[in-house]
Amino acid sequence: ATGLFWQSVHRLFNTIPAMDTHLPERLQIGTKVGPCTLDSRLGHGNYGEVFSATNSERGTREAIKIITKGSIKQCKHATALYREVEMHRRLDHEHVVKFLGVMHG
């Protein structure tokens, strides 16, 4: 049953452009996530943590929300997360952080 659950989660997120990356077990300041280096922890929520990071490819500071697979225990959580990503991806406003992409691995 667990394998089928994760297959459906991956199907949900396959519609969003992905940048594959490997995350270490323990996130800390200085950890590299794709082209970004975590600078500081901004906060946390039900599914994961939000960090300020520096993107070495773009030369920009970015906010990264890191969601652990363990926090998505049921399909309804994966569906809610997908809706959140889709809404944020479509937002275009000067007072909203610009959505750049999804990393998963």
C-alpha atoms as a PDB file:
ATOM      1  CA  ALA A   1       0.000   0.000   0.000  1.00  0.00           C
ATOM      2  CA  THR A   2       2.842   2.418   0.781  1.00  0.00           C
ATOM      3  CA  GLY A   3       4.330   1.966  -2.697  1.00  0.00           C
ATOM      4  CA  LEU A   4       1.001   2.782  -4.370  1.00  0.00           C
ATOM      5  CA  PHE A   5       0.614   5.877  -2.206  1.00  0.00           C
ATOM      6  CA  TRP A   6       4.010   7.273  -3.244  1.00  0.00           C
ATOM      7  CA  GLN A   7       3.336   6.445  -6.894  1.00  0.00           C
ATOM      8  CA  SER A   8       0.202   8.607  -6.742  1.00  0.00           C
ATOM      9  CA  VAL A   9       2.095  11.437  -4.980  1.00  0.00           C
ATOM     10  CA  HIS A  10       4.769  11.399  -7.699  1.00  0.00           C
ATOM     11  CA  ARG A  11       2.051  11.454 -10.391  1.00  0.00           C
ATOM     12  CA  LEU A  12       0.598  14.618  -8.816  1.00  0.00           C
ATOM     13  CA  PHE A  13       3.916  16.427  -8.880  1.00  0.00           C
ATOM     14  CA  ASN A  14       5.006  15.224 -12.319  1.00  0.00           C
ATOM     15  CA  THR A  15       2.910  18.041 -13.808  1.00  0.00           C
ATOM     16  CA  ILE A  16       5.215  20.595 -12.134  1.00  0.00           C
ATOM     17  CA  PRO A  17       8.719  21.195 -13.531  1.00  0.00           C
ATOM     18  CA  ALA A  18      11.172  19.487 -11.201  1.00  0.00           C
ATOM     19  CA  MET A  19      14.819  19.931 -10.357  1.00  0.00           C
ATOM     20  CA  ASP A  20      16.121  16.683  -8.916  1.00  0.00           C
ATOM     21  CA  THR A  21      18.263  17.122  -5.848  1.00  0.00           C
ATOM     22  CA  HIS A  22      19.523  15.074  -2.941  1.00  0.00           C
ATOM     23  CA  LEU A  23      18.752  16.279   0.582  1.00  0.00           C
ATOM     24  CA  PRO A  24      20.803  15.209   3.576  1.00  0.00           C
ATOM     25  CA  GLU A  25      19.034  13.622   6.557  1.00  0.00           C
ATOM     26  CA  ARG A  26      19.545  16.722   8.693  1.00  0.00           C
ATOM     27  CA  LEU A  27      19.053  20.214   7.277  1.00  0.00           C
ATOM     28  CA  GLN A  28      21.199  22.954   8.721  1.00  0.00           C
ATOM     29  CA  ILE A  29      22.528  26.376   7.774  1.00  0.00           C
ATOM     30  CA  GLY A  30      25.123  25.940   5.032  1.00  0.00           C
ATOM     31  CA  THR A  31      23.435  22.842   3.528  1.00  0.00           C
ATOM     32  CA  LYS A  32      23.367  22.842  -0.297  1.00  0.00           C
ATOM     33  CA  VAL A  33      19.960  22.208  -1.891  1.00  0.00           C
ATOM     34  CA  GLY A  34      20.389  22.114  -5.647  1.00  0.00           C
ATOM     35  CA  PRO A  35      22.050  25.411  -6.600  1.00  0.00           C
ATOM     36  CA  CYS A  36      21.077  27.004  -3.261  1.00  0.00           C
ATOM     37  CA  THR A  37      22.854  27.254   0.082  1.00  0.00           C
ATOM     38  CA  LEU A  38      20.625  27.568   3.157  1.00  0.00           C
ATOM     39  CA  ASP A  39      21.363  30.861   4.952  1.00  0.00           C
ATOM     40  CA  SER A  40      18.808  30.973   7.764  1.00  0.00           C
ATOM     41  CA  ARG A  41      15.635  29.288   8.964  1.00  0.00           C
ATOM     42  CA  LEU A  42      12.574  31.491   8.466  1.00  0.00           C
ATOM     43  CA  GLY A  43       9.934  29.210   9.965  1.00  0.00           C
ATOM     44  CA  HIS A  44       8.146  25.876   9.885  1.00  0.00           C
ATOM     45  CA  GLY A  45       4.677  24.486   9.317  1.00  0.00           C
ATOM     46  CA  ASN A  46       2.731  21.240   9.141  1.00  0.00           C
ATOM     47  CA  TYR A  47       4.727  19.786   6.256  1.00  0.00           C
ATOM     48  CA  GLY A  48       8.224  21.194   6.581  1.00  0.00           C
ATOM     49  CA  GLU A  49      10.520  24.171   7.038  1.00  0.00           C
ATOM     50  CA  VAL A  50      11.151  27.431   5.184  1.00  0.00           C
ATOM     51  CA  PHE A  51      14.688  28.727   4.730  1.00  0.00           C
ATOM     52  CA  SER A  52      16.278  31.808   3.249  1.00  0.00           C
ATOM     53  CA  ALA A  53      18.897  30.679   0.726  1.00  0.00           C
ATOM     54  CA  THR A  54      21.382  32.020  -1.781  1.00  0.00           C
ATOM     55  CA  ASN A  55      21.108  30.684  -5.324  1.00  0.00           C
ATOM     56  CA  SER A  56      24.649  30.475  -6.741  1.00  0.00           C
ATOM     57  CA  GLU A  57      23.399  30.131 -10.355  1.00  0.00           C
ATOM     58  CA  ARG A  58      21.101  33.174 -10.301  1.00  0.00           C
ATOM     59  CA  GLY A  59      23.017  35.208  -7.715  1.00  0.00           C
ATOM     60  CA  THR A  60      19.747  35.800  -5.845  1.00  0.00           C
ATOM     61  CA  ARG A  61      18.352  35.275  -2.367  1.00  0.00           C
ATOM     62  CA  GLU A  62      15.363  32.941  -2.334  1.00  0.00           C
ATOM     63  CA  ALA A  63      12.934  31.353   0.087  1.00  0.00           C
ATOM     64  CA  ILE A  64      12.885  27.548   0.008  1.00  0.00           C
ATOM     65  CA  LYS A  65      10.130  25.451   1.550  1.00  0.00           C
ATOM     66  CA  ILE A  66      11.443  21.958   2.261  1.00  0.00           C
ATOM     67  CA  ILE A  67       8.748  19.336   2.768  1.00  0.00           C
ATOM     68  CA  THR A  68       9.658  15.922   4.091  1.00  0.00           C
ATOM     69  CA  LYS A  69       8.032  12.844   2.580  1.00  0.00           C
ATOM     70  CA  GLY A  70       7.289  11.630   6.106  1.00  0.00           C
ATOM     71  CA  SER A  71       4.977  14.609   6.670  1.00  0.00           C
ATOM     72  CA  ILE A  72       2.746  13.555   3.760  1.00  0.00           C
ATOM     73  CA  LYS A  73       1.108  10.508   5.271  1.00  0.00           C
ATOM     74  CA  GLN A  74      -2.188  10.433   3.392  1.00  0.00           C
ATOM     75  CA  CYS A  75      -3.333  11.275  -0.126  1.00  0.00           C
ATOM     76  CA  LYS A  76      -5.410  14.194   1.169  1.00  0.00           C
ATOM     77  CA  HIS A  77      -2.178  15.804   2.437  1.00  0.00           C
ATOM     78  CA  ALA A  78      -0.471  15.323  -0.922  1.00  0.00           C
ATOM     79  CA  THR A  79      -3.498  16.781  -2.708  1.00  0.00           C
ATOM     80  CA  ALA A  80      -3.563  19.826  -0.387  1.00  0.00           C
ATOM     81  CA  LEU A  81       0.147  20.346  -0.945  1.00  0.00           C
ATOM     82  CA  TYR A  82      -0.315  20.086  -4.714  1.00  0.00           C
ATOM     83  CA  ARG A  83      -3.086  22.722  -4.575  1.00  0.00           C
ATOM     84  CA  GLU A  84      -0.821  25.023  -2.540  1.00  0.00           C
ATOM     85  CA  VAL A  85       2.001  24.668  -5.073  1.00  0.00           C
ATOM     86  CA  GLU A  86      -0.343  25.243  -8.030  1.00  0.00           C
ATOM     87  CA  MET A  87      -1.874  28.361  -6.452  1.00  0.00           C
ATOM     88  CA  HIS A  88       1.528  29.812  -5.613  1.00  0.00           C
ATOM     89  CA  ARG A  89       2.851  29.009  -9.089  1.00  0.00           C
ATOM     90  CA  ARG A  90       0.015  31.022 -10.668  1.00  0.00           C
ATOM     91  CA  LEU A  91       0.304  34.054  -8.373  1.00  0.00           C
ATOM     92  CA  ASP A  92       1.931  37.118  -9.853  1.00  0.00           C
ATOM     93  CA  HIS A  93       1.922  40.041  -7.425  1.00  0.00           C
ATOM     94  CA  GLU A  94       4.579  42.454  -6.199  1.00  0.00           C
ATOM     95  CA  HIS A  95       3.901  41.525  -2.535  1.00  0.00           C
ATOM     96  CA  VAL A  96       4.057  37.739  -3.034  1.00  0.00           C
ATOM     97  CA  VAL A  97       7.309  35.778  -3.276  1.00  0.00           C
ATOM     98  CA  LYS A  98       7.756  34.591  -6.887  1.00  0.00           C
ATOM     99  CA  PHE A  99       7.446  30.843  -7.407  1.00  0.00           C
ATOM    100  CA  LEU A 100      10.505  29.425  -9.189  1.00  0.00           C
ATOM    101  CA  GLY A 101      10.056  25.654  -9.130  1.00  0.00           C
ATOM    102  CA  VAL A 102       9.825  22.387  -7.237  1.00  0.00           C
ATOM    103  CA  MET A 103      12.714  20.134  -6.276  1.00  0.00           C
ATOM    104  CA  HIS A 104      12.062  16.530  -5.446  1.00  0.00           C
ATOM    105  CA  GLY A 105      14.046  13.404  -5.152  1.00  0.00           C
END
